[in-house]
């Protein structure tokens, strides 16, 4: 009896797996996520929220209930392997934050409901590939961040000593210099900063040009190079995995045909 019950549970689990892994089910969840994202954006309008606040809140609760049931079903299917997939763990975290009561000390979590939109990342394969590539690029990006921080610090110390007395609002302290040079690195309003210094020190343009060439046009472009390289590596791995899966499928079909031929040969009269 225990064996029969186990077999029925396994059969039910496989049927449920077929449902939740189907394209139709994933499309339905995707539509709910997009609709929920739209309603969360509408709630930010005071006039609309005043008229439709109850309906929007009810829809939000309904979507959350669907997500909770979905995760419970997935937990039923995968059991102990549920957290083995990082994307399922990510979904659990996002939905779990939304389930926490948004009152008292946890009132800030009410604003985090919009994090449910990030579930699109786990449902859309192309987004998963992009995130996977970014995660692979993190080690290289960390090295570039260290290099950029070193360049920023060296130039901030130089700027504080050279121009602290000339433009104290920009370079009066090391902290102010770091912030100003970070702004200059983004190429946002840097001519105003440079001209205010050049009014007292005409040759200071050399400092700003050298800094921009190193920090913006060289170091920041390394970020792009690392990310592009990671994306190319991810695409290559995906193509390789798809090719291996296709090859395994063909080999399985060949083996099945071979077994069928052998079975027919044995059944032929001698």
Protein backbone atom coordinates (compact mmCIF):
# COMPACT_ATOMS: atom_id res chain seq x y z
CA UNK A 1 0.00 0.00 0.00
CA UNK A 2 2.86 2.38 0.81
CA UNK A 3 4.43 1.61 -2.55
CA UNK A 4 1.17 2.31 -4.32
CA UNK A 5 0.74 5.59 -2.45
CA UNK A 6 4.28 6.62 -3.32
CA UNK A 7 3.70 5.81 -6.97
CA UNK A 8 0.49 7.84 -7.04
CA UNK A 9 2.26 10.78 -5.41
CA UNK A 10 5.10 10.55 -7.93
CA UNK A 11 2.60 10.37 -10.79
CA UNK A 12 0.71 13.40 -9.47
CA UNK A 13 3.99 15.27 -9.04
CA UNK A 14 4.96 14.59 -12.64
CA UNK A 15 1.57 15.77 -13.92
CA UNK A 16 1.83 18.96 -11.89
CA UNK A 17 5.38 19.45 -13.15
CA UNK A 18 4.12 19.27 -16.72
CA UNK A 19 1.59 21.99 -15.96
CA UNK A 20 3.90 24.47 -14.21
CA UNK A 21 6.69 23.99 -16.75
CA UNK A 22 4.39 24.47 -19.75
CA UNK A 23 4.72 27.57 -21.92
CA UNK A 24 1.06 28.48 -21.32
CA UNK A 25 1.50 28.53 -17.53
CA UNK A 26 4.66 30.64 -17.71
CA UNK A 27 2.95 33.09 -20.08
CA UNK A 28 0.06 33.41 -17.63
CA UNK A 29 2.41 34.19 -14.75
CA UNK A 30 4.25 36.70 -16.95
CA UNK A 31 0.98 38.48 -17.79
CA UNK A 32 0.13 38.67 -14.07
CA UNK A 33 3.54 40.13 -13.25
CA UNK A 34 3.23 42.80 -15.96
CA UNK A 35 -0.34 43.63 -14.91
CA UNK A 36 0.74 43.88 -11.28
CA UNK A 37 3.61 46.18 -12.24
CA UNK A 38 1.17 48.45 -14.08
CA UNK A 39 -1.23 48.61 -11.12
CA UNK A 40 1.63 49.35 -8.72
CA UNK A 41 2.60 52.26 -10.95
CA UNK A 42 -1.00 53.50 -11.10
CA UNK A 43 -1.16 53.49 -7.29
CA UNK A 44 1.47 56.25 -7.24
CA UNK A 45 -1.10 58.66 -8.71
CA UNK A 46 -3.08 60.18 -5.81
CA UNK A 47 -6.15 60.95 -7.94
CA UNK A 48 -6.35 57.44 -9.42
CA UNK A 49 -5.60 55.82 -6.07
CA UNK A 50 -8.43 57.81 -4.49
CA UNK A 51 -10.94 56.49 -7.03
CA UNK A 52 -9.68 52.94 -7.56
CA UNK A 53 -7.67 52.33 -4.40
CA UNK A 54 -9.84 49.45 -3.13
CA UNK A 55 -9.91 47.69 -6.49
CA UNK A 56 -6.16 48.08 -6.96
CA UNK A 57 -5.49 46.77 -3.47
CA UNK A 58 -7.79 43.77 -4.05
CA UNK A 59 -6.02 42.95 -7.33
CA UNK A 60 -2.66 43.26 -5.61
CA UNK A 61 -3.76 40.79 -2.91
CA UNK A 62 -5.08 38.43 -5.60
CA UNK A 63 -1.82 38.47 -7.53
CA UNK A 64 0.15 37.88 -4.36
CA UNK A 65 -2.09 34.91 -3.50
CA UNK A 66 -1.49 33.44 -6.97
CA UNK A 67 2.27 33.82 -6.55
CA UNK A 68 2.20 32.15 -3.14
CA UNK A 69 0.17 29.22 -4.48
CA UNK A 70 2.53 28.94 -7.43
CA UNK A 71 5.56 28.72 -5.14
CA UNK A 72 3.82 26.14 -2.96
CA UNK A 73 3.09 24.04 -6.04
CA UNK A 74 6.68 24.33 -7.19
CA UNK A 75 7.84 23.33 -3.71
CA UNK A 76 5.54 20.29 -3.92
CA UNK A 77 7.07 19.31 -7.26
CA UNK A 78 10.74 19.90 -6.44
CA UNK A 79 10.65 19.25 -2.65
CA UNK A 80 14.21 19.30 -1.27
CA UNK A 81 15.57 20.41 -4.65
CA UNK A 82 13.46 23.59 -4.59
CA UNK A 83 16.30 25.81 -3.35
CA UNK A 84 18.82 24.04 -5.58
CA UNK A 85 17.85 26.40 -8.39
CA UNK A 86 19.00 29.99 -7.68
CA UNK A 87 16.08 31.40 -9.68
CA UNK A 88 13.51 29.56 -7.55
CA UNK A 89 15.27 30.87 -4.43
CA UNK A 90 15.13 34.36 -5.94
CA UNK A 91 11.38 34.03 -6.56
CA UNK A 92 10.90 32.81 -2.98
CA UNK A 93 12.76 35.85 -1.62
CA UNK A 94 10.84 38.35 -3.75
CA UNK A 95 7.43 36.89 -2.89
CA UNK A 96 8.44 36.42 0.75
CA UNK A 97 9.19 40.14 1.09
CA UNK A 98 5.71 40.91 -0.22
CA UNK A 99 4.10 38.52 2.28
CA UNK A 100 5.67 40.22 5.32
CA UNK A 101 3.07 42.53 6.94
CA UNK A 102 3.72 46.13 5.85
CA UNK A 103 2.94 47.76 9.16
CA UNK A 104 4.90 49.26 12.01
CA UNK A 105 8.63 48.76 11.64
CA UNK A 106 8.04 46.93 8.34
CA UNK A 107 6.13 49.78 6.66
CA UNK A 108 9.06 50.33 4.30
CA UNK A 109 8.44 46.87 2.84
CA UNK A 110 5.22 48.15 1.28
CA UNK A 111 7.32 50.07 -1.25
CA UNK A 112 9.25 46.87 -2.00
CA UNK A 113 6.18 45.19 -3.50
CA UNK A 114 7.38 46.41 -6.87
CA UNK A 115 10.23 43.90 -6.55
CA UNK A 116 7.76 41.30 -7.80
CA UNK A 117 8.36 42.73 -11.26
CA UNK A 118 11.88 41.29 -11.04
CA UNK A 119 10.33 37.83 -11.32
CA UNK A 120 10.31 38.48 -15.05
CA UNK A 121 14.06 37.90 -14.89
CA UNK A 122 13.54 34.31 -13.74
CA UNK A 123 10.80 33.63 -16.30
CA UNK A 124 12.30 35.11 -19.47
CA UNK A 125 15.27 33.05 -20.73
CA UNK A 126 16.93 35.99 -22.49
CA UNK A 127 16.91 38.00 -19.25
CA UNK A 128 18.37 35.05 -17.36
CA UNK A 129 21.22 34.91 -19.86
CA UNK A 130 21.94 38.62 -19.41
CA UNK A 131 21.99 38.29 -15.61
CA UNK A 132 24.18 35.20 -15.88
CA UNK A 133 26.63 37.12 -18.06
CA UNK A 134 26.70 40.02 -15.59
CA UNK A 135 27.41 37.65 -12.71
CA UNK A 136 30.27 36.12 -14.66
CA UNK A 137 31.64 39.60 -15.33
CA UNK A 138 31.70 40.56 -11.62
CA UNK A 139 35.26 39.34 -10.90
CA UNK A 140 36.67 41.35 -13.79
CA UNK A 141 34.51 44.33 -12.93
CA UNK A 142 35.75 44.23 -9.33
CA UNK A 143 39.32 44.65 -10.54
CA UNK A 144 38.30 47.59 -12.70
CA UNK A 145 36.43 49.17 -9.78
CA UNK A 146 39.61 48.89 -7.72
CA UNK A 147 41.64 50.52 -10.48
CA UNK A 148 39.05 53.27 -10.89
CA UNK A 149 39.01 53.91 -7.14
CA UNK A 150 42.80 54.18 -7.13
CA UNK A 151 42.78 56.66 -10.01
CA UNK A 152 40.01 58.67 -8.37
CA UNK A 153 41.86 58.83 -5.04
CA UNK A 154 45.18 59.88 -6.59
CA UNK A 155 43.60 62.68 -8.63
CA UNK A 156 41.45 63.78 -5.63
CA UNK A 157 44.56 64.23 -3.48
CA UNK A 158 46.26 66.16 -6.28
CA UNK A 159 43.19 68.36 -6.85
CA UNK A 160 42.84 69.14 -3.13
CA UNK A 161 46.45 70.29 -2.91
CA UNK A 162 46.44 72.20 -6.21
CA UNK A 163 42.99 73.80 -6.27
CA UNK A 164 41.69 73.63 -2.70
CA UNK A 165 42.37 77.32 -2.12
CA UNK A 166 41.15 78.37 -5.58
CA UNK A 167 37.79 76.52 -5.55
CA UNK A 168 37.05 75.38 -1.99
CA UNK A 169 33.43 74.53 -2.89
CA UNK A 170 34.75 71.87 -5.28
CA UNK A 171 38.16 70.89 -3.91
CA UNK A 172 38.27 72.28 -0.38
CA UNK A 173 38.60 68.82 1.21
CA UNK A 174 39.38 65.29 0.14
CA UNK A 175 35.70 64.33 0.36
CA UNK A 176 34.64 67.32 -1.74
CA UNK A 177 37.35 66.52 -4.31
CA UNK A 178 36.25 62.89 -4.54
CA UNK A 179 32.64 63.91 -5.15
CA UNK A 180 33.60 66.59 -7.69
CA UNK A 181 35.88 64.25 -9.63
CA UNK A 182 33.18 61.58 -9.63
CA UNK A 183 30.85 64.16 -11.16
CA UNK A 184 33.52 65.11 -13.69
CA UNK A 185 33.99 61.42 -14.54
CA UNK A 186 30.32 61.21 -15.57
CA UNK A 187 30.94 64.19 -17.93
CA UNK A 188 28.06 66.01 -16.21
CA UNK A 189 28.70 69.73 -15.74
CA UNK A 190 32.46 69.33 -15.78
CA UNK A 191 33.09 72.41 -17.99
CA UNK A 192 31.61 74.63 -15.24
CA UNK A 193 33.95 73.09 -12.68
CA UNK A 194 36.95 73.38 -14.99
CA UNK A 195 36.25 77.01 -15.95
CA UNK A 196 35.83 78.08 -12.32
CA UNK A 197 39.31 76.72 -11.63
CA UNK A 198 40.85 77.96 -14.88
CA UNK A 199 39.81 81.52 -13.99
CA UNK A 200 42.56 81.44 -11.36
CA UNK A 201 44.82 78.73 -12.80
CA UNK A 202 44.81 78.83 -16.64
CA UNK A 203 46.88 75.64 -17.00
CA UNK A 204 44.47 73.56 -14.92
CA UNK A 205 42.81 72.35 -18.14
CA UNK A 206 45.72 69.90 -18.43
CA UNK A 207 44.69 68.28 -15.15
CA UNK A 208 41.06 67.89 -16.22
CA UNK A 209 41.83 66.60 -19.70
CA UNK A 210 44.31 64.01 -18.41
CA UNK A 211 41.84 62.90 -15.74
CA UNK A 212 38.98 62.56 -18.23
CA UNK A 213 41.13 60.60 -20.67
CA UNK A 214 42.19 58.13 -17.97
CA UNK A 215 39.02 57.81 -15.88
CA UNK A 216 36.27 58.21 -18.47
CA UNK A 217 37.63 57.19 -21.84
CA UNK A 218 39.92 54.40 -20.68
CA UNK A 219 38.88 52.87 -17.36
CA UNK A 220 35.11 53.15 -17.81
CA UNK A 221 35.32 51.61 -21.27
CA UNK A 222 36.97 48.60 -19.67
CA UNK A 223 33.61 47.92 -17.98
CA UNK A 224 31.97 47.67 -21.38
CA UNK A 225 34.72 45.38 -22.64
CA UNK A 226 34.36 43.02 -19.67
CA UNK A 227 30.56 42.87 -19.97
CA UNK A 228 30.67 42.29 -23.74
CA UNK A 229 33.23 39.51 -23.27
CA UNK A 230 31.02 37.90 -20.61
CA UNK A 231 27.98 38.12 -22.90
CA UNK A 232 29.87 36.47 -25.74
CA UNK A 233 31.04 33.72 -23.40
CA UNK A 234 27.47 33.18 -22.15
CA UNK A 235 26.09 32.97 -25.69
CA UNK A 236 28.82 30.50 -26.65
CA UNK A 237 28.01 28.30 -23.65
CA UNK A 238 24.28 28.44 -24.40
CA UNK A 239 24.87 27.41 -28.00
CA UNK A 240 27.12 24.60 -26.83
CA UNK A 241 24.52 23.38 -24.34
CA UNK A 242 21.78 23.54 -26.98
CA UNK A 243 23.99 21.61 -29.41
CA UNK A 244 24.77 18.95 -26.81
CA UNK A 245 21.10 18.63 -25.91
CA UNK A 246 20.18 18.26 -29.58
CA UNK A 247 22.90 15.65 -30.03
CA UNK A 248 21.68 13.69 -27.00
CA UNK A 249 18.14 13.79 -28.37
CA UNK A 250 19.29 12.40 -31.70
CA UNK A 251 21.31 9.67 -30.01
CA UNK A 252 18.34 8.70 -27.86
CA UNK A 253 16.16 8.44 -30.95
CA UNK A 254 18.80 6.33 -32.71
CA UNK A 255 19.05 3.99 -29.71
CA UNK A 256 15.27 3.68 -29.58
CA UNK A 257 15.15 2.84 -33.28
CA UNK A 258 17.96 0.31 -32.84
CA UNK A 259 16.12 -1.40 -29.98
CA UNK A 260 12.94 -1.48 -32.04
CA UNK A 261 14.79 -3.03 -35.00
CA UNK A 262 16.41 -5.61 -32.72
CA UNK A 263 13.04 -6.47 -31.19
CA UNK A 264 11.47 -6.93 -34.62
CA UNK A 265 14.42 -9.02 -35.76
CA UNK A 266 14.03 -11.33 -32.79
CA UNK A 267 10.30 -11.71 -33.47
CA UNK A 268 10.86 -12.62 -37.16
CA UNK A 269 10.39 -16.32 -37.91
CA UNK A 270 13.66 -18.08 -38.58
